[in-house]
Amino acid sequence: MTKLSRTLLLAFAALGLGAASISSYVHYQLLTNSGYSSFCDINTTVNCTQAYLSPYGSLFGVPVALFGVFFFTLELRLAGVGGRASSTVRDAMPAYIFAISTVGLAFIL
């Protein structure tokens, strides 16, 4: 893994973790606070509350955003371990990241 690709992976994984964390927070607030209004509720067409509270907002009772938090945390940890010079799995790390990204993409689709 080149230094540039590792840096980009870390940056995008951190961005994804931030977005998934905010999404998890909003979903939790919608479930626990009846007066809460999501920042992305712009109008009836663009309304995140409907998406969060729909059947597609949770899987087996767990908000899908929490799966995103788990996924991006795993990506960050793998990229962090793969970047260390003393890591014994450094050469295999891109394959691991590709494999879990493929599973993540299949999950999304």
PDB file of N, CA and C in Angstrom:
ATOM      1  N   MET A   1       0.860  -1.160   0.000  1.00  0.00           N
ATOM      2  CA  MET A   1       0.000   0.000   0.000  1.00  0.00           C
ATOM      3  C   MET A   1       0.914   1.234   0.000  1.00  0.00           C
ATOM      4  N   THR A   2       0.696   2.111  -0.953  1.00  0.00           N
ATOM      5  CA  THR A   2       1.513   3.313  -1.026  1.00  0.00           C
ATOM      6  C   THR A   2       1.099   4.298   0.071  1.00  0.00           C
ATOM      7  N   LYS A   3       1.971   5.243   0.324  1.00  0.00           N
ATOM      8  CA  LYS A   3       1.674   6.234   1.361  1.00  0.00           C
ATOM      9  C   LYS A   3       0.454   7.067   0.987  1.00  0.00           C
ATOM     10  N   LEU A   4       0.335   7.422  -0.297  1.00  0.00           N
ATOM     11  CA  LEU A   4      -0.816   8.205  -0.750  1.00  0.00           C
ATOM     12  C   LEU A   4      -2.120   7.420  -0.597  1.00  0.00           C
ATOM     13  N   SER A   5      -2.121   6.154  -1.012  1.00  0.00           N
ATOM     14  CA  SER A   5      -3.355   5.361  -0.901  1.00  0.00           C
ATOM     15  C   SER A   5      -3.738   5.143   0.556  1.00  0.00           C
ATOM     16  N   ARG A   6      -2.745   4.955   1.417  1.00  0.00           N
ATOM     17  CA  ARG A   6      -3.039   4.789   2.847  1.00  0.00           C
ATOM     18  C   ARG A   6      -3.609   6.083   3.425  1.00  0.00           C
ATOM     19  N   THR A   7      -3.031   7.214   3.045  1.00  0.00           N
ATOM     20  CA  THR A   7      -3.524   8.498   3.536  1.00  0.00           C
ATOM     21  C   THR A   7      -4.953   8.747   3.066  1.00  0.00           C
ATOM     22  N   LEU A   8      -5.222   8.465   1.807  1.00  0.00           N
ATOM     23  CA  LEU A   8      -6.578   8.625   1.288  1.00  0.00           C
ATOM     24  C   LEU A   8      -7.557   7.681   1.971  1.00  0.00           C
ATOM     25  N   LEU A   9      -7.138   6.450   2.184  1.00  0.00           N
ATOM     26  CA  LEU A   9      -7.999   5.487   2.868  1.00  0.00           C
ATOM     27  C   LEU A   9      -8.311   5.950   4.285  1.00  0.00           C
ATOM     28  N   LEU A  10      -7.296   6.419   5.000  1.00  0.00           N
ATOM     29  CA  LEU A  10      -7.522   6.918   6.356  1.00  0.00           C
ATOM     30  C   LEU A  10      -8.456   8.129   6.354  1.00  0.00           C
ATOM     31  N   ALA A  11      -8.264   9.032   5.400  1.00  0.00           N
ATOM     32  CA  ALA A  11      -9.098  10.237   5.337  1.00  0.00           C
ATOM     33  C   ALA A  11     -10.557   9.887   5.032  1.00  0.00           C
ATOM     34  N   PHE A  12     -10.770   9.040   4.034  1.00  0.00           N
ATOM     35  CA  PHE A  12     -12.148   8.692   3.676  1.00  0.00           C
ATOM     36  C   PHE A  12     -12.810   7.805   4.726  1.00  0.00           C
ATOM     37  N   ALA A  13     -12.048   6.948   5.370  1.00  0.00           N
ATOM     38  CA  ALA A  13     -12.616   6.134   6.445  1.00  0.00           C
ATOM     39  C   ALA A  13     -12.990   7.011   7.637  1.00  0.00           C
ATOM     40  N   ALA A  14     -12.165   8.009   7.943  1.00  0.00           N
ATOM     41  CA  ALA A  14     -12.499   8.936   9.031  1.00  0.00           C
ATOM     42  C   ALA A  14     -13.737   9.751   8.678  1.00  0.00           C
ATOM     43  N   LEU A  15     -13.841  10.172   7.427  1.00  0.00           N
ATOM     44  CA  LEU A  15     -15.024  10.899   6.971  1.00  0.00           C
ATOM     45  C   LEU A  15     -16.272  10.012   7.072  1.00  0.00           C
ATOM     46  N   GLY A  16     -16.152   8.770   6.643  1.00  0.00           N
ATOM     47  CA  GLY A  16     -17.274   7.835   6.748  1.00  0.00           C
ATOM     48  C   GLY A  16     -17.657   7.549   8.185  1.00  0.00           C
ATOM     49  N   LEU A  17     -16.649   7.425   9.058  1.00  0.00           N
ATOM     50  CA  LEU A  17     -16.931   7.191  10.476  1.00  0.00           C
ATOM     51  C   LEU A  17     -17.665   8.384  11.077  1.00  0.00           C
ATOM     52  N   GLY A  18     -17.252   9.586  10.694  1.00  0.00           N
ATOM     53  CA  GLY A  18     -17.943  10.777  11.184  1.00  0.00           C
ATOM     54  C   GLY A  18     -19.392  10.823  10.720  1.00  0.00           C
ATOM     55  N   ALA A  19     -19.620  10.534   9.453  1.00  0.00           N
ATOM     56  CA  ALA A  19     -20.983  10.549   8.916  1.00  0.00           C
ATOM     57  C   ALA A  19     -21.846   9.470   9.559  1.00  0.00           C
ATOM     58  N   ALA A  20     -21.291   8.270   9.734  1.00  0.00           N
ATOM     59  CA  ALA A  20     -22.046   7.186  10.359  1.00  0.00           C
ATOM     60  C   ALA A  20     -22.334   7.489  11.822  1.00  0.00           C
ATOM     61  N   SER A  21     -21.387   8.139  12.493  1.00  0.00           N
ATOM     62  CA  SER A  21     -21.594   8.498  13.902  1.00  0.00           C
ATOM     63  C   SER A  21     -22.699   9.539  14.044  1.00  0.00           C
ATOM     64  N   ILE A  22     -22.678  10.546  13.183  1.00  0.00           N
ATOM     65  CA  ILE A  22     -23.732  11.565  13.218  1.00  0.00           C
ATOM     66  C   ILE A  22     -25.080  10.934  12.887  1.00  0.00           C
ATOM     67  N   SER A  23     -25.102  10.045  11.922  1.00  0.00           N
ATOM     68  CA  SER A  23     -26.340   9.362  11.554  1.00  0.00           C
ATOM     69  C   SER A  23     -26.862   8.510  12.711  1.00  0.00           C
ATOM     70  N   SER A  24     -25.967   7.839  13.409  1.00  0.00           N
ATOM     71  CA  SER A  24     -26.367   7.040  14.573  1.00  0.00           C
ATOM     72  C   SER A  24     -26.939   7.924  15.670  1.00  0.00           C
ATOM     73  N   TYR A  25     -26.305   9.071  15.890  1.00  0.00           N
ATOM     74  CA  TYR A  25     -26.793  10.008  16.902  1.00  0.00           C
ATOM     75  C   TYR A  25     -28.196  10.504  16.545  1.00  0.00           C
ATOM     76  N   VAL A  26     -28.390  10.895  15.295  1.00  0.00           N
ATOM     77  CA  VAL A  26     -29.697  11.395  14.865  1.00  0.00           C
ATOM     78  C   VAL A  26     -30.758  10.302  15.014  1.00  0.00           C
ATOM     79  N   HIS A  27     -30.418   9.083  14.617  1.00  0.00           N
ATOM     80  CA  HIS A  27     -31.368   7.975  14.733  1.00  0.00           C
ATOM     81  C   HIS A  27     -31.727   7.741  16.202  1.00  0.00           C
ATOM     82  N   TYR A  28     -30.735   7.756  17.079  1.00  0.00           N
ATOM     83  CA  TYR A  28     -30.990   7.571  18.514  1.00  0.00           C
ATOM     84  C   TYR A  28     -31.888   8.690  19.046  1.00  0.00           C
ATOM     85  N   GLN A  29     -31.610   9.930  18.652  1.00  0.00           N
ATOM     86  CA  GLN A  29     -32.426  11.054  19.116  1.00  0.00           C
ATOM     87  C   GLN A  29     -33.867  10.934  18.625  1.00  0.00           C
ATOM     88  N   LEU A  30     -34.040  10.487  17.404  1.00  0.00           N
ATOM     89  CA  LEU A  30     -35.401  10.330  16.870  1.00  0.00           C
ATOM     90  C   LEU A  30     -36.170   9.251  17.630  1.00  0.00           C
ATOM     91  N   LEU A  31     -35.462   8.220  18.082  1.00  0.00           N
ATOM     92  CA  LEU A  31     -36.130   7.144  18.818  1.00  0.00           C
ATOM     93  C   LEU A  31     -36.434   7.520  20.262  1.00  0.00           C
ATOM     94  N   THR A  32     -35.610   8.362  20.872  1.00  0.00           N
ATOM     95  CA  THR A  32     -35.769   8.646  22.302  1.00  0.00           C
ATOM     96  C   THR A  32     -36.390   9.996  22.605  1.00  0.00           C
ATOM     97  N   ASN A  33     -36.320  10.943  21.685  1.00  0.00           N
ATOM     98  CA  ASN A  33     -36.816  12.294  21.926  1.00  0.00           C
ATOM     99  C   ASN A  33     -37.897  12.604  20.893  1.00  0.00           C
ATOM    100  N   SER A  34     -39.130  12.617  21.333  1.00  0.00           N
ATOM    101  CA  SER A  34     -40.247  12.788  20.393  1.00  0.00           C
ATOM    102  C   SER A  34     -40.265  14.171  19.741  1.00  0.00           C
ATOM    103  N   GLY A  35     -39.649  15.173  20.349  1.00  0.00           N
ATOM    104  CA  GLY A  35     -39.647  16.517  19.787  1.00  0.00           C
ATOM    105  C   GLY A  35     -38.431  16.823  18.929  1.00  0.00           C
ATOM    106  N   TYR A  36     -37.555  15.846  18.746  1.00  0.00           N
ATOM    107  CA  TYR A  36     -36.322  16.084  17.999  1.00  0.00           C
ATOM    108  C   TYR A  36     -36.606  16.184  16.504  1.00  0.00           C
ATOM    109  N   SER A  37     -35.961  17.146  15.859  1.00  0.00           N
ATOM    110  CA  SER A  37     -36.084  17.315  14.418  1.00  0.00           C
ATOM    111  C   SER A  37     -34.694  17.211  13.808  1.00  0.00           C
ATOM    112  N   SER A  38     -34.535  16.341  12.841  1.00  0.00           N
ATOM    113  CA  SER A  38     -33.251  16.123  12.198  1.00  0.00           C
ATOM    114  C   SER A  38     -32.830  17.344  11.386  1.00  0.00           C
ATOM    115  N   PHE A  39     -31.536  17.595  11.345  1.00  0.00           N
ATOM    116  CA  PHE A  39     -31.027  18.739  10.582  1.00  0.00           C
ATOM    117  C   PHE A  39     -31.231  18.577   9.086  1.00  0.00           C
ATOM    118  N   CYS A  40     -31.473  17.349   8.633  1.00  0.00           N
ATOM    119  CA  CYS A  40     -31.641  17.151   7.189  1.00  0.00           C
ATOM    120  C   CYS A  40     -33.108  17.021   6.784  1.00  0.00           C
ATOM    121  N   ASP A  41     -34.008  17.398   7.666  1.00  0.00           N
ATOM    122  CA  ASP A  41     -35.427  17.462   7.310  1.00  0.00           C
ATOM    123  C   ASP A  41     -35.690  18.808   6.647  1.00  0.00           C
ATOM    124  N   ILE A  42     -35.559  18.846   5.330  1.00  0.00           N
ATOM    125  CA  ILE A  42     -35.678  20.103   4.596  1.00  0.00           C
ATOM    126  C   ILE A  42     -37.134  20.342   4.168  1.00  0.00           C
ATOM    127  N   ASN A  43     -37.746  19.333   3.599  1.00  0.00           N
ATOM    128  CA  ASN A  43     -39.149  19.418   3.195  1.00  0.00           C
ATOM    129  C   ASN A  43     -39.703  17.997   3.151  1.00  0.00           C
ATOM    130  N   THR A  44     -40.886  17.814   2.592  1.00  0.00           N
ATOM    131  CA  THR A  44     -41.474  16.477   2.573  1.00  0.00           C
ATOM    132  C   THR A  44     -40.745  15.533   1.630  1.00  0.00           C
ATOM    133  N   THR A  45     -40.076  16.079   0.626  1.00  0.00           N
ATOM    134  CA  THR A  45     -39.327  15.244  -0.313  1.00  0.00           C
ATOM    135  C   THR A  45     -37.982  14.841   0.264  1.00  0.00           C
ATOM    136  N   VAL A  46     -37.267  15.780   0.862  1.00  0.00           N
ATOM    137  CA  VAL A  46     -35.963  15.521   1.487  1.00  0.00           C
ATOM    138  C   VAL A  46     -36.192  15.494   2.988  1.00  0.00           C
ATOM    139  N   ASN A  47     -36.387  14.286   3.511  1.00  0.00           N
ATOM    140  CA  ASN A  47     -36.750  14.123   4.911  1.00  0.00           C
ATOM    141  C   ASN A  47     -36.049  12.892   5.465  1.00  0.00           C
ATOM    142  N   CYS A  48     -34.990  13.094   6.217  1.00  0.00           N
ATOM    143  CA  CYS A  48     -34.223  11.976   6.758  1.00  0.00           C
ATOM    144  C   CYS A  48     -34.982  11.222   7.850  1.00  0.00           C
ATOM    145  N   THR A  49     -35.854  11.907   8.555  1.00  0.00           N
ATOM    146  CA  THR A  49     -36.603  11.253   9.626  1.00  0.00           C
ATOM    147  C   THR A  49     -37.413  10.086   9.074  1.00  0.00           C
ATOM    148  N   GLN A  50     -38.016  10.273   7.908  1.00  0.00           N
ATOM    149  CA  GLN A  50     -38.786   9.185   7.307  1.00  0.00           C
ATOM    150  C   GLN A  50     -37.884   7.998   6.978  1.00  0.00           C
ATOM    151  N   ALA A  51     -36.673   8.276   6.526  1.00  0.00           N
ATOM    152  CA  ALA A  51     -35.744   7.190   6.197  1.00  0.00           C
ATOM    153  C   ALA A  51     -35.273   6.469   7.456  1.00  0.00           C
ATOM    154  N   TYR A  52     -34.918   7.223   8.495  1.00  0.00           N
ATOM    155  CA  TYR A  52     -34.440   6.606   9.734  1.00  0.00           C
ATOM    156  C   TYR A  52     -35.504   5.732  10.384  1.00  0.00           C
ATOM    157  N   LEU A  53     -36.748   6.191  10.359  1.00  0.00           N
ATOM    158  CA  LEU A  53     -37.811   5.473  11.045  1.00  0.00           C
ATOM    159  C   LEU A  53     -38.537   4.462  10.160  1.00  0.00           C
ATOM    160  N   SER A  54     -38.128   4.362   8.895  1.00  0.00           N
ATOM    161  CA  SER A  54     -38.736   3.379   8.004  1.00  0.00           C
ATOM    162  C   SER A  54     -38.187   1.986   8.304  1.00  0.00           C
ATOM    163  N   PRO A  55     -38.786   0.956   7.722  1.00  0.00           N
ATOM    164  CA  PRO A  55     -38.265  -0.400   7.922  1.00  0.00           C
ATOM    165  C   PRO A  55     -36.827  -0.559   7.409  1.00  0.00           C
ATOM    166  N   TYR A  56     -36.388   0.318   6.506  1.00  0.00           N
ATOM    167  CA  TYR A  56     -35.030   0.228   5.973  1.00  0.00           C
ATOM    168  C   TYR A  56     -34.006   0.904   6.870  1.00  0.00           C
ATOM    169  N   GLY A  57     -34.446   1.607   7.889  1.00  0.00           N
ATOM    170  CA  GLY A  57     -33.539   2.308   8.798  1.00  0.00           C
ATOM    171  C   GLY A  57     -32.918   1.403   9.839  1.00  0.00           C
ATOM    172  N   SER A  58     -33.465   0.204  10.005  1.00  0.00           N
ATOM    173  CA  SER A  58     -32.953  -0.744  10.998  1.00  0.00           C
ATOM    174  C   SER A  58     -32.912  -2.138  10.403  1.00  0.00           C
ATOM    175  N   LEU A  59     -31.988  -2.927  10.896  1.00  0.00           N
ATOM    176  CA  LEU A  59     -31.874  -4.324  10.499  1.00  0.00           C
ATOM    177  C   LEU A  59     -31.796  -5.146  11.771  1.00  0.00           C
ATOM    178  N   PHE A  60     -32.766  -6.008  11.971  1.00  0.00           N
ATOM    179  CA  PHE A  60     -32.879  -6.814  13.187  1.00  0.00           C
ATOM    180  C   PHE A  60     -32.937  -5.928  14.432  1.00  0.00           C
ATOM    181  N   GLY A  61     -33.581  -4.775  14.305  1.00  0.00           N
ATOM    182  CA  GLY A  61     -33.729  -3.861  15.427  1.00  0.00           C
ATOM    183  C   GLY A  61     -32.522  -2.977  15.688  1.00  0.00           C
ATOM    184  N   VAL A  62     -31.476  -3.104  14.898  1.00  0.00           N
ATOM    185  CA  VAL A  62     -30.264  -2.299  15.058  1.00  0.00           C
ATOM    186  C   VAL A  62     -30.222  -1.262  13.941  1.00  0.00           C
ATOM    187  N   PRO A  63     -30.052   0.023  14.281  1.00  0.00           N
ATOM    188  CA  PRO A  63     -29.959   1.040  13.221  1.00  0.00           C
ATOM    189  C   PRO A  63     -28.800   0.724  12.270  1.00  0.00           C
ATOM    190  N   VAL A  64     -29.058   0.850  10.979  1.00  0.00           N
ATOM    191  CA  VAL A  64     -28.026   0.520   9.995  1.00  0.00           C
ATOM    192  C   VAL A  64     -26.816   1.436  10.111  1.00  0.00           C
ATOM    193  N   ALA A  65     -26.994   2.613  10.665  1.00  0.00           N
ATOM    194  CA  ALA A  65     -25.859   3.521  10.844  1.00  0.00           C
ATOM    195  C   ALA A  65     -24.825   2.930  11.800  1.00  0.00           C
ATOM    196  N   LEU A  66     -25.257   2.116  12.751  1.00  0.00           N
ATOM    197  CA  LEU A  66     -24.295   1.475  13.656  1.00  0.00           C
ATOM    198  C   LEU A  66     -23.425   0.466  12.924  1.00  0.00           C
ATOM    199  N   PHE A  67     -23.980  -0.164  11.900  1.00  0.00           N
ATOM    200  CA  PHE A  67     -23.160  -1.049  11.077  1.00  0.00           C
ATOM    201  C   PHE A  67     -22.087  -0.233  10.350  1.00  0.00           C
ATOM    202  N   GLY A  68     -22.442   0.974   9.940  1.00  0.00           N
ATOM    203  CA  GLY A  68     -21.477   1.864   9.306  1.00  0.00           C
ATOM    204  C   GLY A  68     -20.369   2.277  10.263  1.00  0.00           C
ATOM    205  N   VAL A  69     -20.725   2.549  11.514  1.00  0.00           N
ATOM    206  CA  VAL A  69     -19.718   2.891  12.527  1.00  0.00           C
ATOM    207  C   VAL A  69     -18.752   1.722  12.698  1.00  0.00           C
ATOM    208  N   PHE A  70     -19.294   0.528  12.798  1.00  0.00           N
ATOM    209  CA  PHE A  70     -18.446  -0.658  12.937  1.00  0.00           C
ATOM    210  C   PHE A  70     -17.539  -0.831  11.722  1.00  0.00           C
ATOM    211  N   PHE A  71     -18.107  -0.703  10.524  1.00  0.00           N
ATOM    212  CA  PHE A  71     -17.356  -0.893   9.284  1.00  0.00           C
ATOM    213  C   PHE A  71     -16.202   0.103   9.170  1.00  0.00           C
ATOM    214  N   PHE A  72     -16.477   1.384   9.371  1.00  0.00           N
ATOM    215  CA  PHE A  72     -15.431   2.390   9.200  1.00  0.00           C
ATOM    216  C   PHE A  72     -14.392   2.331  10.318  1.00  0.00           C
ATOM    217  N   THR A  73     -14.792   1.918  11.506  1.00  0.00           N
ATOM    218  CA  THR A  73     -13.810   1.704  12.570  1.00  0.00           C
ATOM    219  C   THR A  73     -12.871   0.569  12.197  1.00  0.00           C
ATOM    220  N   LEU A  74     -13.423  -0.494  11.642  1.00  0.00           N
ATOM    221  CA  LEU A  74     -12.602  -1.613  11.200  1.00  0.00           C
ATOM    222  C   LEU A  74     -11.656  -1.189  10.081  1.00  0.00           C
ATOM    223  N   GLU A  75     -12.157  -0.406   9.130  1.00  0.00           N
ATOM    224  CA  GLU A  75     -11.306   0.100   8.049  1.00  0.00           C
ATOM    225  C   GLU A  75     -10.154   0.943   8.596  1.00  0.00           C
ATOM    226  N   LEU A  76     -10.451   1.834   9.538  1.00  0.00           N
ATOM    227  CA  LEU A  76      -9.402   2.667  10.127  1.00  0.00           C
ATOM    228  C   LEU A  76      -8.360   1.835  10.855  1.00  0.00           C
ATOM    229  N   ARG A  77      -8.813   0.849  11.593  1.00  0.00           N
ATOM    230  CA  ARG A  77      -7.868  -0.001  12.330  1.00  0.00           C
ATOM    231  C   ARG A  77      -6.993  -0.806  11.374  1.00  0.00           C
ATOM    232  N   LEU A  78      -7.595  -1.358  10.332  1.00  0.00           N
ATOM    233  CA  LEU A  78      -6.808  -2.124   9.363  1.00  0.00           C
ATOM    234  C   LEU A  78      -5.798  -1.244   8.644  1.00  0.00           C
ATOM    235  N   ALA A  79      -6.210  -0.052   8.248  1.00  0.00           N
ATOM    236  CA  ALA A  79      -5.279   0.856   7.574  1.00  0.00           C
ATOM    237  C   ALA A  79      -4.178   1.306   8.525  1.00  0.00           C
ATOM    238  N   GLY A  80      -4.517   1.485   9.785  1.00  0.00           N
ATOM    239  CA  GLY A  80      -3.508   1.861  10.774  1.00  0.00           C
ATOM    240  C   GLY A  80      -2.488   0.761  11.002  1.00  0.00           C
ATOM    241  N   VAL A  81      -2.957  -0.464  11.125  1.00  0.00           N
ATOM    242  CA  VAL A  81      -2.051  -1.606  11.319  1.00  0.00           C
ATOM    243  C   VAL A  81      -1.226  -1.834  10.062  1.00  0.00           C
ATOM    244  N   GLY A  82      -1.837  -1.705   8.909  1.00  0.00           N
ATOM    245  CA  GLY A  82      -1.139  -1.940   7.654  1.00  0.00           C
ATOM    246  C   GLY A  82      -0.088  -0.899   7.338  1.00  0.00           C
ATOM    247  N   GLY A  83      -0.144   0.250   7.979  1.00  0.00           N
ATOM    248  CA  GLY A  83       0.820   1.304   7.710  1.00  0.00           C
ATOM    249  C   GLY A  83       2.061   1.241   8.566  1.00  0.00           C
ATOM    250  N   ARG A  84       2.019   0.453   9.619  1.00  0.00           N
ATOM    251  CA  ARG A  84       3.192   0.353  10.488  1.00  0.00           C
ATOM    252  C   ARG A  84       4.276  -0.458   9.801  1.00  0.00           C
ATOM    253  N   ALA A  85       5.493   0.012   9.918  1.00  0.00           N
ATOM    254  CA  ALA A  85       6.623  -0.679   9.283  1.00  0.00           C
ATOM    255  C   ALA A  85       6.897  -2.032   9.934  1.00  0.00           C
ATOM    256  N   SER A  86       6.580  -2.167  11.213  1.00  0.00           N
ATOM    257  CA  SER A  86       6.855  -3.417  11.919  1.00  0.00           C
ATOM    258  C   SER A  86       5.732  -4.444  11.788  1.00  0.00           C
ATOM    259  N   SER A  87       4.687  -4.109  11.054  1.00  0.00           N
ATOM    260  CA  SER A  87       3.539  -5.004  10.921  1.00  0.00           C
ATOM    261  C   SER A  87       3.887  -6.212  10.059  1.00  0.00           C
ATOM    262  N   THR A  88       3.551  -7.399  10.563  1.00  0.00           N
ATOM    263  CA  THR A  88       3.829  -8.632   9.817  1.00  0.00           C
ATOM    264  C   THR A  88       2.808  -8.875   8.709  1.00  0.00           C
ATOM    265  N   VAL A  89       1.667  -8.226   8.786  1.00  0.00           N
ATOM    266  CA  VAL A  89       0.612  -8.418   7.775  1.00  0.00           C
ATOM    267  C   VAL A  89       0.505  -7.220   6.840  1.00  0.00           C
ATOM    268  N   ARG A  90       1.529  -6.410   6.803  1.00  0.00           N
ATOM    269  CA  ARG A  90       1.499  -5.178   6.003  1.00  0.00           C
ATOM    270  C   ARG A  90       1.209  -5.445   4.527  1.00  0.00           C
ATOM    271  N   ASP A  91       1.811  -6.476   3.964  1.00  0.00           N
ATOM    272  CA  ASP A  91       1.613  -6.762   2.545  1.00  0.00           C
ATOM    273  C   ASP A  91       0.213  -7.289   2.232  1.00  0.00           C
ATOM    274  N   ALA A  92      -0.415  -7.941   3.196  1.00  0.00           N
ATOM    275  CA  ALA A  92      -1.737  -8.519   2.972  1.00  0.00           C
ATOM    276  C   ALA A  92      -2.872  -7.546   3.289  1.00  0.00           C
ATOM    277  N   MET A  93      -2.563  -6.419   3.912  1.00  0.00           N
ATOM    278  CA  MET A  93      -3.611  -5.501   4.357  1.00  0.00           C
ATOM    279  C   MET A  93      -4.488  -4.972   3.224  1.00  0.00           C
ATOM    280  N   PRO A  94      -3.941  -4.609   2.053  1.00  0.00           N
ATOM    281  CA  PRO A  94      -4.844  -4.169   0.976  1.00  0.00           C
ATOM    282  C   PRO A  94      -5.865  -5.236   0.579  1.00  0.00           C
ATOM    283  N   ALA A  95      -5.476  -6.497   0.622  1.00  0.00           N
ATOM    284  CA  ALA A  95      -6.416  -7.574   0.290  1.00  0.00           C
ATOM    285  C   ALA A  95      -7.515  -7.682   1.347  1.00  0.00           C
ATOM    286  N   TYR A  96      -7.151  -7.523   2.614  1.00  0.00           N
ATOM    287  CA  TYR A  96      -8.156  -7.557   3.688  1.00  0.00           C
ATOM    288  C   TYR A  96      -9.132  -6.393   3.544  1.00  0.00           C
ATOM    289  N   ILE A  97      -8.597  -5.218   3.273  1.00  0.00           N
ATOM    290  CA  ILE A  97      -9.451  -4.040   3.123  1.00  0.00           C
ATOM    291  C   ILE A  97     -10.365  -4.193   1.910  1.00  0.00           C
ATOM    292  N   PHE A  98      -9.831  -4.725   0.827  1.00  0.00           N
ATOM    293  CA  PHE A  98     -10.650  -4.970  -0.366  1.00  0.00           C
ATOM    294  C   PHE A  98     -11.758  -5.967  -0.059  1.00  0.00           C
ATOM    295  N   ALA A  99     -11.433  -7.019   0.676  1.00  0.00           N
ATOM    296  CA  ALA A  99     -12.421  -8.055   0.982  1.00  0.00           C
ATOM    297  C   ALA A  99     -13.562  -7.496   1.842  1.00  0.00           C
ATOM    298  N   ILE A 100     -13.250  -6.753   2.901  1.00  0.00           N
ATOM    299  CA  ILE A 100     -14.334  -6.243   3.738  1.00  0.00           C
ATOM    300  C   ILE A 100     -15.088  -5.120   3.029  1.00  0.00           C
ATOM    301  N   SER A 101     -14.422  -4.396   2.132  1.00  0.00           N
ATOM    302  CA  SER A 101     -15.121  -3.374   1.344  1.00  0.00           C
ATOM    303  C   SER A 101     -16.108  -4.016   0.377  1.00  0.00           C
ATOM    304  N   THR A 102     -15.732  -5.164  -0.180  1.00  0.00           N
ATOM    305  CA  THR A 102     -16.629  -5.904  -1.075  1.00  0.00           C
ATOM    306  C   THR A 102     -17.855  -6.387  -0.308  1.00  0.00           C
ATOM    307  N   VAL A 103     -17.645  -6.902   0.893  1.00  0.00           N
ATOM    308  CA  VAL A 103     -18.766  -7.335   1.735  1.00  0.00           C
ATOM    309  C   VAL A 103     -19.640  -6.146   2.105  1.00  0.00           C
ATOM    310  N   GLY A 104     -19.010  -5.022   2.428  1.00  0.00           N
ATOM    311  CA  GLY A 104     -19.767  -3.818   2.762  1.00  0.00           C
ATOM    312  C   GLY A 104     -20.596  -3.323   1.586  1.00  0.00           C
ATOM    313  N   LEU A 105     -20.021  -3.364   0.396  1.00  0.00           N
ATOM    314  CA  LEU A 105     -20.760  -2.944  -0.803  1.00  0.00           C
ATOM    315  C   LEU A 105     -21.933  -3.883  -1.067  1.00  0.00           C
ATOM    316  N   ALA A 106     -21.722  -5.179  -0.904  1.00  0.00           N
ATOM    317  CA  ALA A 106     -22.820  -6.143  -1.084  1.00  0.00           C
ATOM    318  C   ALA A 106     -23.932  -5.897  -0.072  1.00  0.00           C
ATOM    319  N   PHE A 107     -23.556  -5.545   1.135  1.00  0.00           N
ATOM    320  CA  PHE A 107     -24.539  -5.250   2.191  1.00  0.00           C
ATOM    321  C   PHE A 107     -25.362  -4.033   1.809  1.00  0.00           C
ATOM    322  N   ILE A 108     -24.699  -3.021   1.290  1.00  0.00           N
ATOM    323  CA  ILE A 108     -25.397  -1.789   0.907  1.00  0.00           C
ATOM    324  C   ILE A 108     -26.354  -2.043  -0.252  1.00  0.00           C
ATOM    325  N   LEU A 109     -25.883  -2.803  -1.233  1.00  0.00           N
ATOM    326  CA  LEU A 109     -26.736  -3.073  -2.381  1.00  0.00           C
ATOM    327  C   LEU A 109     -27.903  -3.958  -2.004  1.00  0.00           C
TER     328      LEU A 109
END
